[in-house]
Amino acid sequence: MPRSTLEPRGRRDGGETVANIGKSITIKGDVTGEEDLVIEGHVEGRIDLKSHHLTIGPNGEILAEISAKQVTIIGRVVGNVSAAERVEICDTGRLEGDLRSPRLLIHEGAVLNGSVSMKKGDAGAAVQRPAAQGQAQPQGGPPKLSDVSKTAS
């Protein structure tokens, strides 16, 4: 794990302040802030860091809806994750919930159980469902599974 992900002195390489929630801490309720945050403990509720980076450390256990600029998951998250820029799920990371972010990095060994939406600017929007079968589809783009199965028979 890169040193900048879990900086023990409370600062990242760029000099920004990083808040830490230690592994013996349990929070039930909403967590909001205007600085980067590393969570090693347990949080149940909602986490809102719209302009900052949230890191769920290896001991972190989260049962919450998450909204942040960037999210790095090394521990475990149960709940939906929405990031304006990027989500990274490390090899020990587990996410059980829907994910919305324009960029996603999943390391080998990571677990993701949920839907993924990667549209640009989609972090705050509702997940759009595909059009029902038989409705007009836009031209171009990759073939759909239904189109491939029709041509194969």
C-alpha atoms as a PDB file:
ATOM      1  CA  MET A   1       0.000   0.000   0.000  1.00  0.00           C
ATOM      2  CA  PRO A   2       1.438   3.387  -0.945  1.00  0.00           C
ATOM      3  CA  ARG A   3       2.691   5.499   1.946  1.00  0.00           C
ATOM      4  CA  SER A   4       0.571   8.452   0.827  1.00  0.00           C
ATOM      5  CA  THR A   5      -2.624   6.390   1.289  1.00  0.00           C
ATOM      6  CA  LEU A   6      -2.222   5.992   5.062  1.00  0.00           C
ATOM      7  CA  GLU A   7       0.066   8.747   6.265  1.00  0.00           C
ATOM      8  CA  PRO A   8       0.532   8.292  10.053  1.00  0.00           C
ATOM      9  CA  ARG A   9       1.538  11.906  10.777  1.00  0.00           C
ATOM     10  CA  GLY A  10      -1.839  13.326   9.721  1.00  0.00           C
ATOM     11  CA  ARG A  11      -0.528  14.876   6.479  1.00  0.00           C
ATOM     12  CA  ARG A  12      -0.341  13.667   2.891  1.00  0.00           C
ATOM     13  CA  ASP A  13       2.683  14.261   0.668  1.00  0.00           C
ATOM     14  CA  GLY A  14       1.057  17.424  -0.719  1.00  0.00           C
ATOM     15  CA  GLY A  15       0.863  18.916   2.783  1.00  0.00           C
ATOM     16  CA  GLU A  16      -2.935  18.651   3.186  1.00  0.00           C
ATOM     17  CA  THR A  17      -4.291  17.681   6.599  1.00  0.00           C
ATOM     18  CA  VAL A  18      -5.689  14.166   6.980  1.00  0.00           C
ATOM     19  CA  ALA A  19      -8.129  13.289   9.757  1.00  0.00           C
ATOM     20  CA  ASN A  20      -8.021   9.767  11.213  1.00  0.00           C
ATOM     21  CA  ILE A  21     -10.677   7.621  12.867  1.00  0.00           C
ATOM     22  CA  GLY A  22      -8.782   4.943  14.800  1.00  0.00           C
ATOM     23  CA  LYS A  23      -9.584   1.236  14.834  1.00  0.00           C
ATOM     24  CA  SER A  24     -11.051   1.348  18.356  1.00  0.00           C
ATOM     25  CA  ILE A  25     -13.552   4.097  17.405  1.00  0.00           C
ATOM     26  CA  THR A  26     -17.201   3.396  16.492  1.00  0.00           C
ATOM     27  CA  ILE A  27     -19.398   6.139  15.025  1.00  0.00           C
ATOM     28  CA  LYS A  28     -23.143   5.812  14.481  1.00  0.00           C
ATOM     29  CA  GLY A  29     -24.446   8.788  12.522  1.00  0.00           C
ATOM     30  CA  ASP A  30     -23.352  11.149   9.768  1.00  0.00           C
ATOM     31  CA  VAL A  31     -19.699  12.006   9.128  1.00  0.00           C
ATOM     32  CA  THR A  32     -18.992  15.181   7.147  1.00  0.00           C
ATOM     33  CA  GLY A  33     -15.838  17.194   6.723  1.00  0.00           C
ATOM     34  CA  GLU A  34     -13.639  19.532   4.744  1.00  0.00           C
ATOM     35  CA  GLU A  35     -10.427  17.490   4.822  1.00  0.00           C
ATOM     36  CA  ASP A  36      -9.212  14.069   3.719  1.00  0.00           C
ATOM     37  CA  LEU A  37     -10.179  11.225   6.054  1.00  0.00           C
ATOM     38  CA  VAL A  38      -8.764   7.783   6.885  1.00  0.00           C
ATOM     39  CA  ILE A  39     -11.144   5.417   8.682  1.00  0.00           C
ATOM     40  CA  GLU A  40      -9.691   2.433  10.559  1.00  0.00           C
ATOM     41  CA  GLY A  41     -12.698   1.996  12.873  1.00  0.00           C
ATOM     42  CA  HIS A  42     -16.403   1.350  12.423  1.00  0.00           C
ATOM     43  CA  VAL A  43     -18.853   3.836  10.918  1.00  0.00           C
ATOM     44  CA  GLU A  44     -22.601   3.337  10.484  1.00  0.00           C
ATOM     45  CA  GLY A  45     -24.644   6.055   8.798  1.00  0.00           C
ATOM     46  CA  ARG A  46     -23.586   8.415   6.031  1.00  0.00           C
ATOM     47  CA  ILE A  47     -20.147   9.759   5.036  1.00  0.00           C
ATOM     48  CA  ASP A  48     -20.038  12.987   3.019  1.00  0.00           C
ATOM     49  CA  LEU A  49     -16.655  14.389   1.918  1.00  0.00           C
ATOM     50  CA  LYS A  50     -17.671  15.910  -1.439  1.00  0.00           C
ATOM     51  CA  SER A  51     -14.365  17.723  -2.039  1.00  0.00           C
ATOM     52  CA  HIS A  52     -11.974  15.294  -0.359  1.00  0.00           C
ATOM     53  CA  HIS A  53     -10.412  11.839  -0.370  1.00  0.00           C
ATOM     54  CA  LEU A  54     -11.814   9.086   1.840  1.00  0.00           C
ATOM     55  CA  THR A  55      -9.667   6.052   2.641  1.00  0.00           C
ATOM     56  CA  ILE A  56     -11.153   3.002   4.319  1.00  0.00           C
ATOM     57  CA  GLY A  57      -8.116   1.423   5.997  1.00  0.00           C
ATOM     58  CA  PRO A  58      -7.485  -2.319   6.371  1.00  0.00           C
ATOM     59  CA  ASN A  59      -9.319  -2.423   9.716  1.00  0.00           C
ATOM     60  CA  GLY A  60     -12.155  -0.173   8.530  1.00  0.00           C
ATOM     61  CA  GLU A  61     -15.695  -1.578   8.672  1.00  0.00           C
ATOM     62  CA  ILE A  62     -18.228   0.739   7.067  1.00  0.00           C
ATOM     63  CA  LEU A  63     -22.005   0.366   6.904  1.00  0.00           C
ATOM     64  CA  ALA A  64     -22.852   3.655   5.215  1.00  0.00           C
ATOM     65  CA  GLU A  65     -23.720   5.578   2.091  1.00  0.00           C
ATOM     66  CA  ILE A  66     -20.501   7.259   0.934  1.00  0.00           C
ATOM     67  CA  SER A  67     -20.106  10.416  -1.136  1.00  0.00           C
ATOM     68  CA  ALA A  68     -16.600  11.822  -1.712  1.00  0.00           C
ATOM     69  CA  LYS A  69     -14.284  13.240  -4.356  1.00  0.00           C
ATOM     70  CA  GLN A  70     -12.094  10.103  -4.247  1.00  0.00           C
ATOM     71  CA  VAL A  71     -12.550   6.832  -2.352  1.00  0.00           C
ATOM     72  CA  THR A  72      -9.920   4.178  -1.619  1.00  0.00           C
ATOM     73  CA  ILE A  73     -11.206   0.939  -0.108  1.00  0.00           C
ATOM     74  CA  ILE A  74      -8.688  -1.271   1.657  1.00  0.00           C
ATOM     75  CA  GLY A  75     -11.122  -2.580   4.287  1.00  0.00           C
ATOM     76  CA  ARG A  76     -14.845  -3.399   4.024  1.00  0.00           C
ATOM     77  CA  VAL A  77     -17.793  -1.259   2.911  1.00  0.00           C
ATOM     78  CA  VAL A  78     -21.461  -2.210   2.884  1.00  0.00           C
ATOM     79  CA  GLY A  79     -23.429   0.566   1.201  1.00  0.00           C
ATOM     80  CA  ASN A  80     -23.471   2.615  -1.975  1.00  0.00           C
ATOM     81  CA  VAL A  81     -20.360   4.584  -2.959  1.00  0.00           C
ATOM     82  CA  SER A  82     -20.427   7.741  -5.073  1.00  0.00           C
ATOM     83  CA  ALA A  83     -17.191   9.511  -6.079  1.00  0.00           C
ATOM     84  CA  ALA A  84     -16.811  12.605  -8.240  1.00  0.00           C
ATOM     85  CA  GLU A  85     -13.361  11.576  -9.538  1.00  0.00           C
ATOM     86  CA  ARG A  86     -12.226   8.044  -8.704  1.00  0.00           C
ATOM     87  CA  VAL A  87     -12.778   4.852  -6.693  1.00  0.00           C
ATOM     88  CA  GLU A  88      -9.981   2.374  -5.980  1.00  0.00           C
ATOM     89  CA  ILE A  89     -10.650  -1.027  -4.430  1.00  0.00           C
ATOM     90  CA  CYS A  90      -7.397  -2.548  -3.211  1.00  0.00           C
ATOM     91  CA  ASP A  91      -6.638  -6.285  -3.108  1.00  0.00           C
ATOM     92  CA  THR A  92      -7.999  -6.635   0.453  1.00  0.00           C
ATOM     93  CA  GLY A  93     -10.949  -4.298  -0.190  1.00  0.00           C
ATOM     94  CA  ARG A  94     -14.575  -5.411  -0.221  1.00  0.00           C
ATOM     95  CA  LEU A  95     -17.526  -3.372  -1.463  1.00  0.00           C
ATOM     96  CA  GLU A  96     -21.085  -4.636  -1.216  1.00  0.00           C
ATOM     97  CA  GLY A  97     -23.214  -1.940  -2.803  1.00  0.00           C
ATOM     98  CA  ASP A  98     -23.663   0.110  -5.946  1.00  0.00           C
ATOM     99  CA  LEU A  99     -20.798   2.266  -7.181  1.00  0.00           C
ATOM    100  CA  ARG A 100     -20.911   5.515  -9.195  1.00  0.00           C
ATOM    101  CA  SER A 101     -17.687   7.133 -10.380  1.00  0.00           C
ATOM    102  CA  PRO A 102     -16.180   8.198 -13.701  1.00  0.00           C
ATOM    103  CA  ARG A 103     -12.987   6.204 -12.937  1.00  0.00           C
ATOM    104  CA  LEU A 104     -12.581   2.839 -11.218  1.00  0.00           C
ATOM    105  CA  LEU A 105      -9.517   0.774 -10.307  1.00  0.00           C
ATOM    106  CA  ILE A 106     -10.059  -2.748  -8.956  1.00  0.00           C
ATOM    107  CA  HIS A 107      -6.991  -4.685  -7.840  1.00  0.00           C
ATOM    108  CA  GLU A 108      -6.750  -8.450  -8.206  1.00  0.00           C
ATOM    109  CA  GLY A 109      -8.297 -10.073  -5.140  1.00  0.00           C
ATOM    110  CA  ALA A 110     -10.714  -7.211  -4.471  1.00  0.00           C
ATOM    111  CA  VAL A 111     -14.431  -7.976  -4.140  1.00  0.00           C
ATOM    112  CA  LEU A 112     -17.227  -5.856  -5.636  1.00  0.00           C
ATOM    113  CA  ASN A 113     -20.834  -7.016  -5.340  1.00  0.00           C
ATOM    114  CA  GLY A 114     -23.151  -4.411  -6.837  1.00  0.00           C
ATOM    115  CA  SER A 115     -23.783  -2.401  -9.951  1.00  0.00           C
ATOM    116  CA  VAL A 116     -21.263   0.018 -11.456  1.00  0.00           C
ATOM    117  CA  SER A 117     -21.993   3.270 -13.270  1.00  0.00           C
ATOM    118  CA  MET A 118     -19.011   5.075 -14.793  1.00  0.00           C
ATOM    119  CA  LYS A 119     -20.577   7.975 -16.660  1.00  0.00           C
ATOM    120  CA  LYS A 120     -18.697  11.257 -16.451  1.00  0.00           C
ATOM    121  CA  GLY A 121     -20.374  13.535 -13.921  1.00  0.00           C
ATOM    122  CA  ASP A 122     -22.508  10.621 -12.690  1.00  0.00           C
ATOM    123  CA  ALA A 123     -21.367  10.660  -9.058  1.00  0.00           C
ATOM    124  CA  GLY A 124     -24.342  12.663  -7.835  1.00  0.00           C
ATOM    125  CA  ALA A 125     -26.916  11.387 -10.318  1.00  0.00           C
ATOM    126  CA  ALA A 126     -29.278   8.472 -10.009  1.00  0.00           C
ATOM    127  CA  VAL A 127     -28.258   5.258 -11.742  1.00  0.00           C
ATOM    128  CA  GLN A 128     -30.003   5.123 -15.119  1.00  0.00           C
ATOM    129  CA  ARG A 129     -31.460   1.810 -16.184  1.00  0.00           C
ATOM    130  CA  PRO A 130     -31.007   0.553 -19.761  1.00  0.00           C
ATOM    131  CA  ALA A 131     -33.987   0.885 -22.123  1.00  0.00           C
ATOM    132  CA  ALA A 132     -36.442  -2.010 -22.088  1.00  0.00           C
ATOM    133  CA  GLN A 133     -36.096  -4.668 -24.781  1.00  0.00           C
ATOM    134  CA  GLY A 134     -37.793  -3.672 -28.000  1.00  0.00           C
ATOM    135  CA  GLN A 135     -37.307   0.070 -27.511  1.00  0.00           C
ATOM    136  CA  ALA A 136     -35.182   2.023 -29.954  1.00  0.00           C
ATOM    137  CA  GLN A 137     -31.487   1.992 -29.087  1.00  0.00           C
ATOM    138  CA  PRO A 138     -28.937   4.598 -30.188  1.00  0.00           C
ATOM    139  CA  GLN A 139     -26.895   3.706 -33.265  1.00  0.00           C
ATOM    140  CA  GLY A 140     -23.224   2.768 -32.952  1.00  0.00           C
ATOM    141  CA  GLY A 141     -21.282   1.442 -29.988  1.00  0.00           C
ATOM    142  CA  PRO A 142     -20.465  -2.162 -29.181  1.00  0.00           C
ATOM    143  CA  PRO A 143     -22.967  -4.896 -30.016  1.00  0.00           C
ATOM    144  CA  LYS A 144     -25.348  -5.982 -27.286  1.00  0.00           C
ATOM    145  CA  LEU A 145     -25.429  -9.557 -26.020  1.00  0.00           C
ATOM    146  CA  SER A 146     -28.924  -9.986 -27.477  1.00  0.00           C
ATOM    147  CA  ASP A 147     -27.643  -8.862 -30.913  1.00  0.00           C
ATOM    148  CA  VAL A 148     -24.733 -11.324 -30.766  1.00  0.00           C
ATOM    149  CA  SER A 149     -26.952 -14.280 -29.796  1.00  0.00           C
ATOM    150  CA  LYS A 150     -29.358 -13.545 -32.686  1.00  0.00           C
ATOM    151  CA  THR A 151     -26.551 -13.637 -35.248  1.00  0.00           C
ATOM    152  CA  ALA A 152     -25.002 -16.771 -33.751  1.00  0.00           C
ATOM    153  CA  SER A 153     -28.183 -18.897 -34.160  1.00  0.00           C
END
